């Protein structure tokens, strides 16, 4: 299994964790959805992310999901989310998944961090806990973590901790942050890979600003793969035309309370998982919402015929 680096590019899909209707982990669907993501153009996966319902798993379940995903990926890079309230849990899970062949781990800052010094100090402690040989993805998602990390603080972290090789960029608005980071690199700062989240809702613009790809989930991962491919080829107009065909469903999936339910419903409809079940707390879609999603999928298919 190759490790992620500062040069890592492409699409790392945030994988859902499939559950059976009795809330147990659907091990058969882990294999099925892993294959689905790669068949649709993913370069790698990120498991146990926030949209992978990681906080609803026990530590042993988390390791089992990561182990199966890594093995099914057959050498393709898998990043594992290891964020936890305590450093002991982060250290334990990190060692276990790296021993299994993970490509790196992703760590989000806890909501208790309030100052730039605390944020830098936290990541210094994380690296000291897991070891400087483990590649780390810093998840910058202030809408959920409530931790605001300035461009300057990100720069200080990058300079101080070489094992932090990737930024999962999910600030909103955050396009200027990408530009500022790339400008600093042009002036001599160490490069860092930037993969973007937020369900891909800003992916065409993020690619033009200098992002290396996407690290997020969407029920049509081929959209992200195509946008990244076209953007890298300089075909930004074609990328935007394609993106706009998917935009209604991308937008609908951004609803905080039902976004994962939408994603799982569509993945189940596409045969990637057997059931759209979420672990509690988590609810399914209402009949009205299902009808809206089905209508968007049908319209999306018609629009794709026009732009391809």
Protein backbone atom coordinates (compact mmCIF):
# COMPACT_ATOMS: atom_id res chain seq x y z
CA UNK A 1 0.00 0.00 0.00
CA UNK A 2 1.47 3.35 -1.03
CA UNK A 3 1.47 6.25 1.40
CA UNK A 4 -0.05 9.64 0.64
CA UNK A 5 2.42 12.45 0.06
CA UNK A 6 2.50 16.17 -0.62
CA UNK A 7 2.09 15.28 -4.31
CA UNK A 8 -1.03 13.14 -3.93
CA UNK A 9 -3.73 14.07 -6.42
CA UNK A 10 -7.09 12.82 -7.61
CA UNK A 11 -10.36 11.77 -5.99
CA UNK A 12 -10.49 10.10 -2.59
CA UNK A 13 -14.14 9.31 -1.97
CA UNK A 14 -15.40 9.56 1.59
CA UNK A 15 -16.87 6.09 1.95
CA UNK A 16 -20.19 5.45 3.65
CA UNK A 17 -20.38 2.74 6.28
CA UNK A 18 -23.13 0.32 5.23
CA UNK A 19 -25.50 -1.03 7.86
CA UNK A 20 -28.15 -3.71 7.76
CA UNK A 21 -31.66 -2.84 8.87
CA UNK A 22 -30.85 -4.22 12.33
CA UNK A 23 -28.04 -1.62 12.60
CA UNK A 24 -25.24 -4.19 12.35
CA UNK A 25 -22.40 -3.52 9.92
CA UNK A 26 -23.12 -4.90 6.44
CA UNK A 27 -19.77 -6.50 5.65
CA UNK A 28 -20.89 -7.66 2.20
CA UNK A 29 -21.82 -4.11 1.23
CA UNK A 30 -18.41 -2.81 2.32
CA UNK A 31 -16.87 -4.85 -0.48
CA UNK A 32 -19.62 -3.85 -2.89
CA UNK A 33 -19.39 -0.11 -2.26
CA UNK A 34 -15.58 -0.19 -2.30
CA UNK A 35 -15.66 -1.78 -5.75
CA UNK A 36 -18.31 0.73 -6.85
CA UNK A 37 -16.19 3.74 -5.88
CA UNK A 38 -13.19 2.50 -7.84
CA UNK A 39 -15.29 1.52 -10.84
CA UNK A 40 -16.64 5.09 -10.92
CA UNK A 41 -13.17 6.65 -11.01
CA UNK A 42 -11.93 7.02 -7.45
CA UNK A 43 -8.16 7.07 -7.00
CA UNK A 44 -8.42 6.20 -3.32
CA UNK A 45 -10.82 6.13 -0.39
CA UNK A 46 -11.20 7.79 2.97
CA UNK A 47 -13.01 5.63 5.51
CA UNK A 48 -14.35 6.51 8.96
CA UNK A 49 -15.00 10.12 8.03
CA UNK A 50 -17.80 12.21 9.49
CA UNK A 51 -20.16 11.08 6.72
CA UNK A 52 -18.97 7.53 7.31
CA UNK A 53 -20.73 7.63 10.70
CA UNK A 54 -17.43 7.02 12.48
CA UNK A 55 -18.65 8.37 15.86
CA UNK A 56 -21.37 5.69 15.87
CA UNK A 57 -18.85 2.83 15.72
CA UNK A 58 -17.01 1.11 18.52
CA UNK A 59 -13.22 1.08 18.31
CA UNK A 60 -13.24 -2.59 17.29
CA UNK A 61 -15.89 -1.94 14.63
CA UNK A 62 -13.90 1.00 13.29
CA UNK A 63 -10.81 -1.15 12.92
CA UNK A 64 -12.82 -3.91 11.25
CA UNK A 65 -14.30 -1.49 8.69
CA UNK A 66 -10.90 0.02 7.97
CA UNK A 67 -9.24 -3.38 7.65
CA UNK A 68 -11.84 -4.68 5.20
CA UNK A 69 -11.77 -1.50 3.10
CA UNK A 70 -7.97 -1.56 2.90
CA UNK A 71 -7.86 -5.20 1.88
CA UNK A 72 -10.62 -4.79 -0.69
CA UNK A 73 -8.82 -1.79 -2.18
CA UNK A 74 -6.05 -4.15 -3.32
CA UNK A 75 -3.18 -1.70 -3.06
CA UNK A 76 -5.04 1.53 -3.78
CA UNK A 77 -4.53 4.19 -1.08
CA UNK A 78 -6.97 4.29 1.83
CA UNK A 79 -6.90 7.14 4.34
CA UNK A 80 -8.51 6.39 7.71
CA UNK A 81 -10.22 9.00 9.87
CA UNK A 82 -8.93 8.63 13.43
CA UNK A 83 -10.32 11.79 15.03
CA UNK A 84 -11.32 11.21 18.65
CA UNK A 85 -11.69 13.22 21.85
CA UNK A 86 -8.58 11.65 23.36
CA UNK A 87 -5.08 11.10 22.04
CA UNK A 88 -4.94 7.55 23.36
CA UNK A 89 -7.74 6.48 21.02
CA UNK A 90 -6.12 8.31 18.11
CA UNK A 91 -2.80 6.61 18.78
CA UNK A 92 -4.31 3.15 19.16
CA UNK A 93 -6.40 3.28 15.99
CA UNK A 94 -3.60 4.88 13.98
CA UNK A 95 -1.14 2.13 14.85
CA UNK A 96 -3.69 -0.55 14.04
CA UNK A 97 -4.70 0.82 10.63
CA UNK A 98 -1.16 1.65 9.57
CA UNK A 99 -0.18 -1.92 10.42
CA UNK A 100 -3.03 -3.01 8.13
CA UNK A 101 -1.66 -0.94 5.25
CA UNK A 102 -3.44 2.41 5.45
CA UNK A 103 -1.99 5.20 3.31
CA UNK A 104 -2.33 7.75 6.11
CA UNK A 105 -4.73 9.06 8.72
CA UNK A 106 -7.03 12.07 8.91
CA UNK A 107 -7.35 14.17 12.06
CA UNK A 108 -9.81 17.01 12.69
CA UNK A 109 -9.19 19.51 15.49
CA UNK A 110 -11.37 19.18 18.61
CA UNK A 111 -13.83 21.99 19.21
CA UNK A 112 -12.04 23.00 22.42
CA UNK A 113 -9.23 24.69 20.50
CA UNK A 114 -9.64 28.47 20.52
CA UNK A 115 -6.27 30.07 19.69
CA UNK A 116 -3.64 29.68 16.98
CA UNK A 117 -1.16 28.45 19.60
CA UNK A 118 -3.58 25.78 20.80
CA UNK A 119 -4.22 24.55 17.25
CA UNK A 120 -0.52 24.27 16.43
CA UNK A 121 0.17 22.66 19.80
CA UNK A 122 -2.57 20.10 19.25
CA UNK A 123 -1.17 18.89 15.95
CA UNK A 124 2.33 18.80 17.42
CA UNK A 125 0.97 16.52 20.14
CA UNK A 126 -0.88 14.35 17.61
CA UNK A 127 2.29 13.82 15.58
CA UNK A 128 4.27 13.06 18.74
CA UNK A 129 1.61 10.50 19.70
CA UNK A 130 1.30 8.63 16.39
CA UNK A 131 4.86 9.07 15.14
CA UNK A 132 6.40 11.38 12.58
CA UNK A 133 6.50 8.57 9.99
CA UNK A 134 2.69 8.48 9.66
CA UNK A 135 1.31 10.72 6.88
CA UNK A 136 -1.43 12.99 8.23
CA UNK A 137 -4.37 14.73 6.58
CA UNK A 138 -5.43 17.86 8.47
CA UNK A 139 -9.21 18.21 8.19
CA UNK A 140 -10.15 21.89 8.11
CA UNK A 141 -13.95 21.82 8.51
CA UNK A 142 -14.95 24.77 10.72
CA UNK A 143 -18.66 24.45 9.91
CA UNK A 144 -18.64 21.24 12.00
CA UNK A 145 -15.60 21.53 14.28
CA UNK A 146 -16.14 25.24 15.04
CA UNK A 147 -12.36 25.67 14.89
CA UNK A 148 -11.23 28.48 12.62
CA UNK A 149 -7.75 27.80 11.24
CA UNK A 150 -6.27 30.81 9.48
CA UNK A 151 -4.04 30.54 6.45
CA UNK A 152 -1.15 31.75 8.60
CA UNK A 153 -1.73 29.04 11.18
CA UNK A 154 -1.97 26.39 8.46
CA UNK A 155 1.35 27.67 7.15
CA UNK A 156 2.93 27.40 10.59
CA UNK A 157 1.66 23.83 10.95
CA UNK A 158 2.97 22.87 7.51
CA UNK A 159 6.39 24.28 8.28
CA UNK A 160 6.62 22.73 11.74
CA UNK A 161 5.28 19.26 10.95
CA UNK A 162 6.50 17.63 7.71
CA UNK A 163 4.35 14.54 8.29
CA UNK A 164 1.24 16.63 7.69
CA UNK A 165 1.22 16.14 3.94
CA UNK A 166 -2.37 16.95 3.00
CA UNK A 167 -5.10 19.45 3.78
CA UNK A 168 -8.70 18.35 3.54
CA UNK A 169 -10.10 21.74 2.68
CA UNK A 170 -13.68 22.27 3.81
CA UNK A 171 -13.73 25.91 4.88
CA UNK A 172 -16.69 27.84 3.54
CA UNK A 173 -16.12 30.32 2.00
CA UNK A 174 -12.63 29.04 1.45
CA UNK A 175 -11.54 29.62 -2.12
CA UNK A 176 -9.21 32.44 -1.10
CA UNK A 177 -7.54 30.12 1.40
CA UNK A 178 -6.51 27.82 -1.47
CA UNK A 179 -5.12 30.74 -3.44
CA UNK A 180 -3.21 32.06 -0.42
CA UNK A 181 -1.68 28.66 0.35
CA UNK A 182 -0.52 28.20 -3.23
CA UNK A 183 0.87 31.75 -3.30
CA UNK A 184 2.90 31.03 -0.16
CA UNK A 185 4.25 27.87 -1.77
CA UNK A 186 5.30 29.81 -4.84
CA UNK A 187 7.24 32.08 -2.48
CA UNK A 188 9.11 29.13 -0.97
CA UNK A 189 6.90 27.43 1.61
CA UNK A 190 6.74 23.61 1.59
CA UNK A 191 4.06 22.22 -0.71
CA UNK A 192 1.04 20.44 0.68
CA UNK A 193 -1.55 18.39 -1.17
CA UNK A 194 -5.02 20.00 -1.09
CA UNK A 195 -8.08 17.81 -1.57
CA UNK A 196 -11.47 19.47 -1.10
CA UNK A 197 -14.69 18.46 0.62
CA UNK A 198 -18.17 19.93 1.06
CA UNK A 199 -19.74 17.32 -1.19
CA UNK A 200 -18.03 18.77 -4.26
CA UNK A 201 -20.28 21.82 -4.32
CA UNK A 202 -17.36 24.13 -5.17
CA UNK A 203 -15.13 21.61 -6.94
CA UNK A 204 -14.78 23.37 -10.34
CA UNK A 205 -13.75 26.63 -8.66
CA UNK A 206 -11.47 24.84 -6.20
CA UNK A 207 -9.63 23.12 -9.03
CA UNK A 208 -9.08 26.44 -10.79
CA UNK A 209 -7.66 27.88 -7.55
CA UNK A 210 -5.05 25.13 -7.35
CA UNK A 211 -6.63 22.19 -5.52
CA UNK A 212 -5.25 18.74 -6.31
CA UNK A 213 -8.60 17.00 -6.29
CA UNK A 214 -11.50 16.01 -4.05
CA UNK A 215 -11.82 14.16 -0.77
CA UNK A 216 -15.54 14.04 -0.25
CA UNK A 217 -18.58 11.91 -0.80
CA UNK A 218 -21.29 12.15 -3.44
CA UNK A 219 -23.56 9.41 -4.68
CA UNK A 220 -22.21 9.92 -8.23
CA UNK A 221 -18.43 9.82 -7.66
CA UNK A 222 -17.89 9.76 -11.41
CA UNK A 223 -18.85 13.45 -11.40
CA UNK A 224 -15.88 14.29 -9.18
CA UNK A 225 -13.52 12.11 -11.22
CA UNK A 226 -14.63 13.79 -14.46
CA UNK A 227 -14.40 17.31 -13.02
CA UNK A 228 -10.86 16.69 -11.78
CA UNK A 229 -9.83 15.11 -15.07
CA UNK A 230 -11.26 17.92 -17.19
CA UNK A 231 -9.87 20.63 -14.90
CA UNK A 232 -6.39 19.13 -15.04
CA UNK A 233 -6.66 19.17 -18.84
CA UNK A 234 -7.57 22.88 -18.77
CA UNK A 235 -11.11 22.17 -20.01
CA UNK A 236 -12.81 24.33 -17.41
CA UNK A 237 -15.88 25.15 -19.49
CA UNK A 238 -16.59 21.48 -20.14
CA UNK A 239 -16.02 20.77 -16.45
CA UNK A 240 -18.56 23.41 -15.47
CA UNK A 241 -21.11 22.20 -18.02
CA UNK A 242 -20.84 18.71 -16.60
CA UNK A 243 -20.97 19.95 -13.02
CA UNK A 244 -24.15 21.90 -13.67
CA UNK A 245 -25.94 18.71 -14.74
CA UNK A 246 -25.30 17.27 -11.28
CA UNK A 247 -25.74 20.51 -9.33
CA UNK A 248 -29.36 20.07 -8.15
CA UNK A 249 -28.55 16.77 -6.46
CA UNK A 250 -25.22 18.08 -5.12
CA UNK A 251 -27.12 21.01 -3.59
CA UNK A 252 -29.86 18.79 -2.17
CA UNK A 253 -27.28 16.53 -0.55
CA UNK A 254 -25.82 19.51 1.32
CA UNK A 255 -28.73 19.70 3.76
CA UNK A 256 -27.18 19.14 7.20
CA UNK A 257 -29.96 17.01 8.65
CA UNK A 258 -30.67 14.69 5.72
CA UNK A 259 -27.59 14.84 3.50
CA UNK A 260 -26.31 11.41 4.47
CA UNK A 261 -29.79 9.94 4.08
CA UNK A 262 -29.89 11.31 0.53
CA UNK A 263 -26.47 9.89 -0.26
CA UNK A 264 -27.26 6.46 1.13
CA UNK A 265 -30.65 6.36 -0.64
CA UNK A 266 -29.01 7.03 -4.00
CA UNK A 267 -26.16 4.58 -3.38
CA UNK A 268 -28.71 1.89 -2.51
CA UNK A 269 -30.70 2.76 -5.63
CA UNK A 270 -27.51 2.38 -7.69
CA UNK A 271 -26.80 -1.02 -6.13
CA UNK A 272 -23.67 0.06 -4.27
CA UNK A 273 -25.09 -0.85 -0.84
CA UNK A 274 -27.94 -3.13 0.14
CA UNK A 275 -29.71 -0.71 2.48
CA UNK A 276 -29.84 3.04 3.11
CA UNK A 277 -29.97 2.42 6.87
CA UNK A 278 -28.13 4.78 9.19
CA UNK A 279 -27.24 4.05 12.77
CA UNK A 280 -29.17 6.07 15.32
CA UNK A 281 -29.26 8.95 15.66
CA UNK A 282 -30.01 9.14 11.99
CA UNK A 283 -33.21 8.93 10.03
CA UNK A 284 -34.25 8.04 6.51
CA UNK A 285 -35.95 10.19 3.92
CA UNK A 286 -39.62 11.06 3.92
CA UNK A 287 -41.73 9.96 0.93
CA UNK A 288 -41.76 13.57 -0.29
CA UNK A 289 -37.96 13.80 -0.12
CA UNK A 290 -37.58 10.49 -1.96
CA UNK A 291 -39.84 11.77 -4.72
CA UNK A 292 -37.74 14.94 -5.03
CA UNK A 293 -34.51 12.96 -5.22
CA UNK A 294 -35.92 10.60 -7.83
CA UNK A 295 -37.03 13.56 -9.94
CA UNK A 296 -33.56 15.14 -9.71
CA UNK A 297 -31.89 11.89 -10.76
CA UNK A 298 -34.16 11.64 -13.80
CA UNK A 299 -33.51 15.28 -14.78
CA UNK A 300 -29.79 14.75 -14.22
CA UNK A 301 -29.75 11.82 -16.66
CA UNK A 302 -31.44 13.93 -19.33
CA UNK A 303 -29.00 16.81 -18.83
CA UNK A 304 -26.00 14.51 -18.99
CA UNK A 305 -27.14 13.30 -22.40
CA UNK A 306 -27.00 16.91 -23.57
CA UNK A 307 -23.53 17.75 -22.28
CA UNK A 308 -21.66 14.53 -23.08
